[in-house]
Amino acid sequence: MSTIDEALKANQHYAENFKLANLPIPPARKLAVVACMDARLTVEEFLGLKTGDAHIIRNAGGVVTDDAIRSLLISHYLLGTNEFMIVNHTDCGMLKFKDEELRDRLEREKGTAVVGPDHFYSFADLRQNVRRQIQRVKAHPWVPKEITVRGFVFDVKTGKLEEVKA
């Protein structure tokens, strides 16, 4: 059985006892989180959140890309969030390569260059990356100045969050 088939089987069991149909669309805690897609991060759990509490936007590196900004703007303007949290983590795979190296590898292995993605957003300094993501959010002209934007590093060995000041 494939992993997707296993997931579908698990979903059948989940749906039999599903009790979240009446949750409102806006997140109850008015929080939006941009976090890394790393499978070791259980974002809701380490932030003490329940289903329906927050918007969780995940991608490789917890990077504030154009699409993350799009999601944050929708989250705020249409669904009422008023605090944004950026979460990166220790031992991140994005620290282990450079964009140019991956692009060169893909072009070499696939025998062609492509238009996109333009960037993979690798980084060499974890805390500097968190500061950069905070600044990307704060600098966007459509993000209201009164929105709280804070950044953190999650330690995958201890489970603790460390705040990174912008």
N, C-alpha and C. Protein backbone atom coordinates (compact mmCIF):
# COMPACT_ATOMS: atom_id res chain seq x y z
N MET A 1 0.86 -1.18 0.00
CA MET A 1 0.00 0.00 0.00
C MET A 1 0.90 1.24 0.00
N SER A 2 0.58 2.21 -0.85
CA SER A 2 1.37 3.43 -0.92
C SER A 2 1.09 4.31 0.31
N THR A 3 1.96 5.27 0.53
CA THR A 3 1.78 6.20 1.64
C THR A 3 0.50 7.00 1.46
N ILE A 4 0.18 7.37 0.23
CA ILE A 4 -1.07 8.11 -0.02
C ILE A 4 -2.27 7.23 0.30
N ASP A 5 -2.21 5.96 -0.09
CA ASP A 5 -3.31 5.04 0.24
C ASP A 5 -3.46 4.88 1.75
N GLU A 6 -2.35 4.83 2.47
CA GLU A 6 -2.40 4.76 3.94
C GLU A 6 -3.05 6.01 4.51
N ALA A 7 -2.71 7.17 3.93
CA ALA A 7 -3.30 8.44 4.39
C ALA A 7 -4.81 8.46 4.13
N LEU A 8 -5.22 7.94 2.99
CA LEU A 8 -6.66 7.89 2.69
C LEU A 8 -7.40 6.97 3.65
N LYS A 9 -6.77 5.87 4.00
CA LYS A 9 -7.38 4.94 4.96
C LYS A 9 -7.51 5.62 6.33
N ALA A 10 -6.46 6.34 6.74
CA ALA A 10 -6.51 7.06 8.01
C ALA A 10 -7.60 8.12 7.97
N ASN A 11 -7.78 8.76 6.81
CA ASN A 11 -8.82 9.77 6.68
C ASN A 11 -10.22 9.18 6.86
N GLN A 12 -10.42 7.97 6.39
CA GLN A 12 -11.72 7.33 6.58
C GLN A 12 -12.05 7.22 8.07
N HIS A 13 -11.07 6.83 8.85
CA HIS A 13 -11.26 6.72 10.31
C HIS A 13 -11.48 8.09 10.94
N TYR A 14 -10.72 9.07 10.48
CA TYR A 14 -10.85 10.44 10.98
C TYR A 14 -12.25 10.97 10.70
N ALA A 15 -12.74 10.78 9.48
CA ALA A 15 -14.05 11.32 9.08
C ALA A 15 -15.20 10.69 9.87
N GLU A 16 -15.03 9.45 10.31
CA GLU A 16 -16.09 8.78 11.07
C GLU A 16 -16.41 9.50 12.38
N ASN A 17 -15.42 10.18 12.96
CA ASN A 17 -15.61 10.87 14.24
C ASN A 17 -15.39 12.38 14.12
N PHE A 18 -15.53 12.92 12.92
CA PHE A 18 -15.24 14.32 12.68
C PHE A 18 -16.24 15.22 13.40
N LYS A 19 -15.71 16.16 14.20
CA LYS A 19 -16.57 17.03 15.00
C LYS A 19 -16.22 18.52 14.84
N LEU A 20 -15.53 18.88 13.77
CA LEU A 20 -15.08 20.26 13.61
C LEU A 20 -15.82 21.01 12.52
N ALA A 21 -16.94 20.48 12.07
CA ALA A 21 -17.67 21.08 10.94
C ALA A 21 -18.19 22.47 11.22
N ASN A 22 -18.36 22.83 12.47
CA ASN A 22 -18.97 24.12 12.80
C ASN A 22 -17.97 25.20 13.20
N LEU A 23 -16.69 24.96 12.97
CA LEU A 23 -15.70 26.00 13.29
C LEU A 23 -15.91 27.20 12.37
N PRO A 24 -15.76 28.41 12.92
CA PRO A 24 -15.87 29.59 12.05
C PRO A 24 -14.65 29.69 11.14
N ILE A 25 -14.78 30.40 10.03
CA ILE A 25 -13.67 30.55 9.09
C ILE A 25 -12.53 31.39 9.68
N PRO A 26 -12.82 32.55 10.31
CA PRO A 26 -11.70 33.33 10.87
C PRO A 26 -11.03 32.59 12.03
N PRO A 27 -9.71 32.68 12.12
CA PRO A 27 -9.01 32.00 13.20
C PRO A 27 -9.33 32.64 14.56
N ALA A 28 -9.65 31.82 15.53
CA ALA A 28 -10.11 32.28 16.84
C ALA A 28 -9.08 33.14 17.57
N ARG A 29 -7.80 32.84 17.41
CA ARG A 29 -6.76 33.58 18.13
C ARG A 29 -6.21 34.76 17.32
N LYS A 30 -6.76 35.00 16.13
CA LYS A 30 -6.36 36.13 15.27
C LYS A 30 -4.86 36.14 14.99
N LEU A 31 -4.30 34.95 14.80
CA LEU A 31 -2.87 34.76 14.59
C LEU A 31 -2.61 34.09 13.25
N ALA A 32 -1.57 34.57 12.54
CA ALA A 32 -1.09 33.90 11.34
C ALA A 32 0.39 33.59 11.56
N VAL A 33 0.78 32.36 11.21
CA VAL A 33 2.15 31.90 11.42
C VAL A 33 2.75 31.49 10.09
N VAL A 34 3.95 32.00 9.78
CA VAL A 34 4.71 31.53 8.64
C VAL A 34 5.81 30.64 9.21
N ALA A 35 5.81 29.37 8.82
CA ALA A 35 6.76 28.41 9.38
C ALA A 35 7.32 27.51 8.28
N CYS A 36 8.40 26.85 8.62
CA CYS A 36 9.02 25.91 7.69
C CYS A 36 8.16 24.66 7.52
N MET A 37 8.29 24.03 6.37
CA MET A 37 7.53 22.81 6.08
C MET A 37 8.15 21.57 6.72
N ASP A 38 9.29 21.71 7.38
CA ASP A 38 10.01 20.57 7.96
C ASP A 38 9.04 19.66 8.73
N ALA A 39 9.09 18.38 8.43
CA ALA A 39 8.16 17.41 9.01
C ALA A 39 8.34 17.24 10.53
N ARG A 40 9.46 17.71 11.07
CA ARG A 40 9.68 17.60 12.53
C ARG A 40 8.93 18.67 13.30
N LEU A 41 8.38 19.67 12.62
CA LEU A 41 7.70 20.77 13.30
C LEU A 41 6.21 20.52 13.38
N THR A 42 5.71 20.36 14.57
CA THR A 42 4.27 20.27 14.80
C THR A 42 3.83 21.63 15.33
N VAL A 43 3.65 22.55 14.42
CA VAL A 43 3.47 23.96 14.75
C VAL A 43 2.33 24.18 15.75
N GLU A 44 1.17 23.64 15.47
CA GLU A 44 0.04 23.83 16.39
C GLU A 44 0.39 23.32 17.79
N GLU A 45 1.02 22.20 17.85
CA GLU A 45 1.35 21.61 19.15
C GLU A 45 2.35 22.46 19.93
N PHE A 46 3.47 22.87 19.30
CA PHE A 46 4.46 23.61 20.07
C PHE A 46 4.05 25.05 20.37
N LEU A 47 2.98 25.53 19.71
CA LEU A 47 2.45 26.86 20.03
C LEU A 47 1.19 26.79 20.89
N GLY A 48 0.77 25.58 21.26
CA GLY A 48 -0.42 25.43 22.09
C GLY A 48 -1.70 25.83 21.39
N LEU A 49 -1.76 25.56 20.09
CA LEU A 49 -2.93 25.93 19.29
C LEU A 49 -3.81 24.72 19.02
N LYS A 50 -5.09 25.00 18.86
CA LYS A 50 -6.04 23.97 18.44
C LYS A 50 -6.47 24.27 17.01
N THR A 51 -7.09 23.29 16.37
CA THR A 51 -7.66 23.52 15.05
C THR A 51 -8.61 24.70 15.13
N GLY A 52 -8.46 25.64 14.21
CA GLY A 52 -9.33 26.82 14.19
C GLY A 52 -8.73 28.03 14.88
N ASP A 53 -7.59 27.87 15.56
CA ASP A 53 -7.00 28.99 16.29
C ASP A 53 -6.20 29.95 15.42
N ALA A 54 -5.52 29.43 14.39
CA ALA A 54 -4.57 30.26 13.64
C ALA A 54 -4.46 29.79 12.20
N HIS A 55 -3.99 30.68 11.35
CA HIS A 55 -3.58 30.30 9.99
C HIS A 55 -2.12 29.88 10.05
N ILE A 56 -1.80 28.73 9.51
CA ILE A 56 -0.43 28.24 9.46
C ILE A 56 -0.03 28.19 8.00
N ILE A 57 0.94 29.00 7.64
CA ILE A 57 1.44 29.10 6.26
C ILE A 57 2.82 28.47 6.25
N ARG A 58 2.99 27.38 5.52
CA ARG A 58 4.25 26.65 5.56
C ARG A 58 4.89 26.56 4.18
N ASN A 59 6.22 26.70 4.18
CA ASN A 59 6.99 26.47 2.97
C ASN A 59 8.42 26.14 3.38
N ALA A 60 9.25 25.79 2.42
CA ALA A 60 10.64 25.45 2.71
C ALA A 60 11.35 26.67 3.29
N GLY A 61 11.77 26.57 4.53
CA GLY A 61 12.51 27.63 5.17
C GLY A 61 11.68 28.64 5.96
N GLY A 62 10.37 28.56 5.89
CA GLY A 62 9.56 29.57 6.56
C GLY A 62 9.86 30.95 6.02
N VAL A 63 9.92 31.04 4.69
CA VAL A 63 10.33 32.26 4.01
C VAL A 63 9.09 33.07 3.59
N VAL A 64 9.19 34.38 3.76
CA VAL A 64 8.10 35.27 3.37
C VAL A 64 8.24 35.57 1.87
N THR A 65 7.72 34.66 1.07
CA THR A 65 7.70 34.81 -0.39
C THR A 65 6.49 35.66 -0.77
N ASP A 66 6.36 35.96 -2.06
CA ASP A 66 5.17 36.67 -2.54
C ASP A 66 3.90 35.91 -2.16
N ASP A 67 3.95 34.58 -2.24
CA ASP A 67 2.76 33.81 -1.92
C ASP A 67 2.45 33.86 -0.42
N ALA A 68 3.49 33.87 0.41
CA ALA A 68 3.26 34.01 1.86
C ALA A 68 2.65 35.38 2.17
N ILE A 69 3.15 36.43 1.52
CA ILE A 69 2.57 37.77 1.69
C ILE A 69 1.11 37.77 1.27
N ARG A 70 0.83 37.14 0.12
CA ARG A 70 -0.56 37.03 -0.35
C ARG A 70 -1.45 36.41 0.73
N SER A 71 -0.98 35.31 1.31
CA SER A 71 -1.75 34.63 2.35
C SER A 71 -1.90 35.49 3.60
N LEU A 72 -0.84 36.18 4.00
CA LEU A 72 -0.93 37.06 5.17
C LEU A 72 -1.91 38.20 4.95
N LEU A 73 -1.91 38.78 3.76
CA LEU A 73 -2.84 39.87 3.46
C LEU A 73 -4.28 39.39 3.50
N ILE A 74 -4.55 38.23 2.92
CA ILE A 74 -5.90 37.65 2.97
C ILE A 74 -6.28 37.35 4.42
N SER A 75 -5.33 36.77 5.15
CA SER A 75 -5.56 36.44 6.55
C SER A 75 -5.96 37.67 7.37
N HIS A 76 -5.26 38.76 7.14
CA HIS A 76 -5.56 39.98 7.90
C HIS A 76 -6.83 40.68 7.40
N TYR A 77 -6.84 41.04 6.12
CA TYR A 77 -7.92 41.89 5.61
C TYR A 77 -9.26 41.18 5.51
N LEU A 78 -9.25 39.90 5.22
CA LEU A 78 -10.53 39.20 5.03
C LEU A 78 -10.91 38.33 6.23
N LEU A 79 -9.93 37.97 7.07
CA LEU A 79 -10.23 37.03 8.14
C LEU A 79 -9.80 37.51 9.53
N GLY A 80 -9.34 38.74 9.61
CA GLY A 80 -9.19 39.40 10.89
C GLY A 80 -7.95 39.13 11.73
N THR A 81 -6.93 38.47 11.19
CA THR A 81 -5.75 38.26 12.01
C THR A 81 -5.04 39.59 12.24
N ASN A 82 -4.43 39.72 13.42
CA ASN A 82 -3.75 40.97 13.74
C ASN A 82 -2.36 40.75 14.34
N GLU A 83 -1.90 39.52 14.35
CA GLU A 83 -0.54 39.21 14.77
C GLU A 83 0.05 38.19 13.80
N PHE A 84 1.29 38.45 13.39
CA PHE A 84 2.00 37.55 12.48
C PHE A 84 3.25 37.04 13.18
N MET A 85 3.48 35.76 13.04
CA MET A 85 4.61 35.10 13.67
C MET A 85 5.43 34.40 12.60
N ILE A 86 6.75 34.60 12.60
CA ILE A 86 7.65 33.92 11.68
C ILE A 86 8.42 32.89 12.50
N VAL A 87 8.42 31.61 12.06
CA VAL A 87 9.12 30.57 12.81
C VAL A 87 10.06 29.81 11.88
N ASN A 88 11.35 29.96 12.13
CA ASN A 88 12.39 29.14 11.50
C ASN A 88 12.84 28.13 12.54
N HIS A 89 13.78 27.26 12.19
CA HIS A 89 14.19 26.25 13.17
C HIS A 89 15.65 25.83 12.97
N THR A 90 16.21 25.29 14.03
CA THR A 90 17.57 24.78 13.97
C THR A 90 17.63 23.58 13.03
N ASP A 91 18.81 23.29 12.54
CA ASP A 91 19.05 22.14 11.66
C ASP A 91 18.17 22.17 10.42
N CYS A 92 17.92 23.37 9.90
CA CYS A 92 17.07 23.53 8.71
C CYS A 92 17.84 23.14 7.45
N GLY A 93 17.19 22.44 6.57
CA GLY A 93 17.81 22.05 5.31
C GLY A 93 18.18 23.23 4.44
N MET A 94 17.52 24.37 4.62
CA MET A 94 17.81 25.55 3.82
C MET A 94 19.18 26.15 4.13
N LEU A 95 19.77 25.73 5.25
CA LEU A 95 21.12 26.16 5.64
C LEU A 95 22.19 25.33 4.94
N LYS A 96 21.79 24.24 4.30
CA LYS A 96 22.74 23.24 3.83
C LYS A 96 23.06 23.30 2.34
N PHE A 97 22.59 24.32 1.65
CA PHE A 97 22.89 24.46 0.22
C PHE A 97 22.82 25.92 -0.17
N LYS A 98 23.27 26.22 -1.37
CA LYS A 98 23.16 27.56 -1.94
C LYS A 98 22.26 27.47 -3.17
N ASP A 99 21.49 28.51 -3.39
CA ASP A 99 20.57 28.52 -4.53
C ASP A 99 21.27 28.13 -5.84
N GLU A 100 22.43 28.73 -6.09
CA GLU A 100 23.15 28.50 -7.35
C GLU A 100 23.52 27.02 -7.50
N GLU A 101 23.92 26.39 -6.40
CA GLU A 101 24.30 24.97 -6.45
C GLU A 101 23.12 24.10 -6.85
N LEU A 102 21.96 24.36 -6.25
CA LEU A 102 20.77 23.57 -6.57
C LEU A 102 20.32 23.83 -8.00
N ARG A 103 20.32 25.10 -8.41
CA ARG A 103 19.94 25.43 -9.78
C ARG A 103 20.86 24.74 -10.79
N ASP A 104 22.18 24.81 -10.53
CA ASP A 104 23.15 24.15 -11.41
C ASP A 104 22.90 22.64 -11.46
N ARG A 105 22.64 22.04 -10.33
CA ARG A 105 22.38 20.60 -10.27
C ARG A 105 21.15 20.23 -11.09
N LEU A 106 20.08 20.99 -10.90
CA LEU A 106 18.84 20.69 -11.62
C LEU A 106 19.02 20.86 -13.13
N GLU A 107 19.71 21.91 -13.52
CA GLU A 107 19.95 22.12 -14.95
C GLU A 107 20.81 21.00 -15.52
N ARG A 108 21.80 20.56 -14.75
CA ARG A 108 22.69 19.49 -15.20
C ARG A 108 21.93 18.15 -15.27
N GLU A 109 21.17 17.82 -14.24
CA GLU A 109 20.45 16.55 -14.21
C GLU A 109 19.29 16.50 -15.19
N LYS A 110 18.62 17.62 -15.37
CA LYS A 110 17.44 17.65 -16.24
C LYS A 110 17.77 18.12 -17.65
N GLY A 111 18.97 18.65 -17.85
CA GLY A 111 19.40 19.05 -19.18
C GLY A 111 18.74 20.29 -19.72
N THR A 112 18.15 21.09 -18.85
CA THR A 112 17.49 22.31 -19.31
C THR A 112 17.41 23.33 -18.19
N ALA A 113 17.38 24.59 -18.59
CA ALA A 113 17.12 25.68 -17.65
C ALA A 113 15.63 26.02 -17.74
N VAL A 114 15.10 26.55 -16.66
CA VAL A 114 13.69 26.95 -16.66
C VAL A 114 13.56 28.38 -16.16
N VAL A 115 12.40 28.94 -16.35
CA VAL A 115 12.16 30.31 -15.94
C VAL A 115 12.01 30.41 -14.41
N GLY A 116 11.37 29.44 -13.80
CA GLY A 116 11.13 29.53 -12.37
C GLY A 116 11.22 28.18 -11.70
N PRO A 117 11.45 28.13 -10.43
CA PRO A 117 11.49 29.29 -9.54
C PRO A 117 12.77 30.10 -9.71
N ASP A 118 12.63 31.41 -9.50
CA ASP A 118 13.78 32.31 -9.60
C ASP A 118 14.73 32.11 -8.43
N HIS A 119 14.16 31.80 -7.26
CA HIS A 119 14.95 31.66 -6.04
C HIS A 119 14.47 30.44 -5.26
N PHE A 120 15.41 29.81 -4.57
CA PHE A 120 15.05 28.76 -3.63
C PHE A 120 15.09 29.29 -2.20
N TYR A 121 15.67 30.49 -2.00
CA TYR A 121 15.71 31.19 -0.73
C TYR A 121 16.52 30.46 0.35
N SER A 122 17.63 29.84 -0.07
CA SER A 122 18.53 29.26 0.93
C SER A 122 19.13 30.41 1.74
N PHE A 123 19.68 30.08 2.90
CA PHE A 123 20.30 31.10 3.74
C PHE A 123 21.42 30.47 4.55
N ALA A 124 22.35 31.31 4.99
CA ALA A 124 23.53 30.83 5.72
C ALA A 124 23.45 31.13 7.21
N ASP A 125 22.59 32.07 7.61
CA ASP A 125 22.50 32.49 9.01
C ASP A 125 21.03 32.48 9.43
N LEU A 126 20.72 31.58 10.34
CA LEU A 126 19.34 31.35 10.76
C LEU A 126 18.68 32.60 11.33
N ARG A 127 19.31 33.22 12.30
CA ARG A 127 18.71 34.39 12.94
C ARG A 127 18.62 35.58 11.99
N GLN A 128 19.62 35.73 11.15
CA GLN A 128 19.57 36.80 10.15
C GLN A 128 18.41 36.55 9.18
N ASN A 129 18.17 35.30 8.86
CA ASN A 129 17.04 34.99 7.98
C ASN A 129 15.71 35.36 8.65
N VAL A 130 15.57 35.06 9.93
CA VAL A 130 14.34 35.43 10.63
C VAL A 130 14.17 36.95 10.59
N ARG A 131 15.24 37.70 10.87
CA ARG A 131 15.16 39.17 10.81
C ARG A 131 14.75 39.64 9.41
N ARG A 132 15.31 38.99 8.39
CA ARG A 132 14.99 39.36 7.00
C ARG A 132 13.50 39.11 6.72
N GLN A 133 12.95 38.01 7.21
CA GLN A 133 11.54 37.71 6.96
C GLN A 133 10.63 38.71 7.68
N ILE A 134 11.00 39.07 8.91
CA ILE A 134 10.23 40.09 9.63
C ILE A 134 10.22 41.38 8.83
N GLN A 135 11.38 41.78 8.33
CA GLN A 135 11.48 43.02 7.56
C GLN A 135 10.68 42.95 6.26
N ARG A 136 10.66 41.78 5.61
CA ARG A 136 9.86 41.64 4.38
C ARG A 136 8.39 41.90 4.66
N VAL A 137 7.92 41.38 5.78
CA VAL A 137 6.51 41.60 6.13
C VAL A 137 6.28 43.07 6.47
N LYS A 138 7.08 43.60 7.36
CA LYS A 138 6.89 44.98 7.82
C LYS A 138 7.05 46.01 6.69
N ALA A 139 7.91 45.71 5.73
CA ALA A 139 8.17 46.66 4.65
C ALA A 139 7.09 46.66 3.57
N HIS A 140 6.24 45.65 3.56
CA HIS A 140 5.24 45.59 2.51
C HIS A 140 4.22 46.71 2.71
N PRO A 141 3.95 47.48 1.66
CA PRO A 141 3.07 48.65 1.82
C PRO A 141 1.63 48.32 2.18
N TRP A 142 1.19 47.10 1.97
CA TRP A 142 -0.19 46.74 2.30
C TRP A 142 -0.33 46.11 3.68
N VAL A 143 0.77 45.88 4.35
CA VAL A 143 0.71 45.35 5.72
C VAL A 143 0.62 46.55 6.66
N PRO A 144 -0.49 46.67 7.40
CA PRO A 144 -0.65 47.81 8.30
C PRO A 144 0.47 47.87 9.35
N LYS A 145 0.89 49.08 9.67
CA LYS A 145 1.98 49.28 10.64
C LYS A 145 1.62 48.76 12.02
N GLU A 146 0.32 48.72 12.34
CA GLU A 146 -0.08 48.28 13.68
C GLU A 146 -0.08 46.75 13.85
N ILE A 147 0.14 46.01 12.77
CA ILE A 147 0.21 44.54 12.87
C ILE A 147 1.48 44.17 13.64
N THR A 148 1.33 43.33 14.62
CA THR A 148 2.47 42.80 15.36
C THR A 148 3.14 41.74 14.51
N VAL A 149 4.45 41.87 14.29
CA VAL A 149 5.22 40.88 13.53
C VAL A 149 6.43 40.50 14.39
N ARG A 150 6.49 39.24 14.80
CA ARG A 150 7.60 38.78 15.63
C ARG A 150 8.17 37.50 15.05
N GLY A 151 9.47 37.28 15.28
CA GLY A 151 10.15 36.13 14.71
C GLY A 151 10.81 35.27 15.76
N PHE A 152 10.90 33.96 15.45
CA PHE A 152 11.41 32.99 16.41
C PHE A 152 12.21 31.90 15.72
N VAL A 153 13.07 31.26 16.51
CA VAL A 153 13.76 30.05 16.08
C VAL A 153 13.30 28.93 17.01
N PHE A 154 12.81 27.86 16.43
CA PHE A 154 12.41 26.67 17.16
C PHE A 154 13.59 25.72 17.19
N ASP A 155 13.96 25.25 18.38
CA ASP A 155 15.08 24.32 18.52
C ASP A 155 14.54 22.90 18.40
N VAL A 156 14.95 22.19 17.34
CA VAL A 156 14.42 20.84 17.10
C VAL A 156 14.95 19.81 18.11
N LYS A 157 15.93 20.17 18.92
CA LYS A 157 16.45 19.25 19.94
C LYS A 157 15.79 19.44 21.29
N THR A 158 15.36 20.68 21.60
CA THR A 158 14.77 20.96 22.91
C THR A 158 13.28 21.28 22.86
N GLY A 159 12.77 21.67 21.69
CA GLY A 159 11.37 22.07 21.56
C GLY A 159 11.12 23.50 21.99
N LYS A 160 12.16 24.25 22.33
CA LYS A 160 11.98 25.62 22.80
C LYS A 160 12.03 26.63 21.66
N LEU A 161 11.28 27.71 21.86
CA LEU A 161 11.30 28.84 20.94
C LEU A 161 12.20 29.94 21.51
N GLU A 162 13.01 30.53 20.64
CA GLU A 162 13.83 31.68 21.01
C GLU A 162 13.40 32.84 20.15
N GLU A 163 13.05 33.96 20.76
CA GLU A 163 12.66 35.13 19.98
C GLU A 163 13.89 35.78 19.37
N VAL A 164 13.73 36.21 18.13
CA VAL A 164 14.78 36.93 17.40
C VAL A 164 14.27 38.34 17.21
N LYS A 165 14.97 39.29 17.76
CA LYS A 165 14.57 40.70 17.65
C LYS A 165 14.96 41.24 16.28
N ALA A 166 14.05 41.97 15.68
CA ALA A 166 14.31 42.57 14.37
C ALA A 166 15.24 43.73 14.57
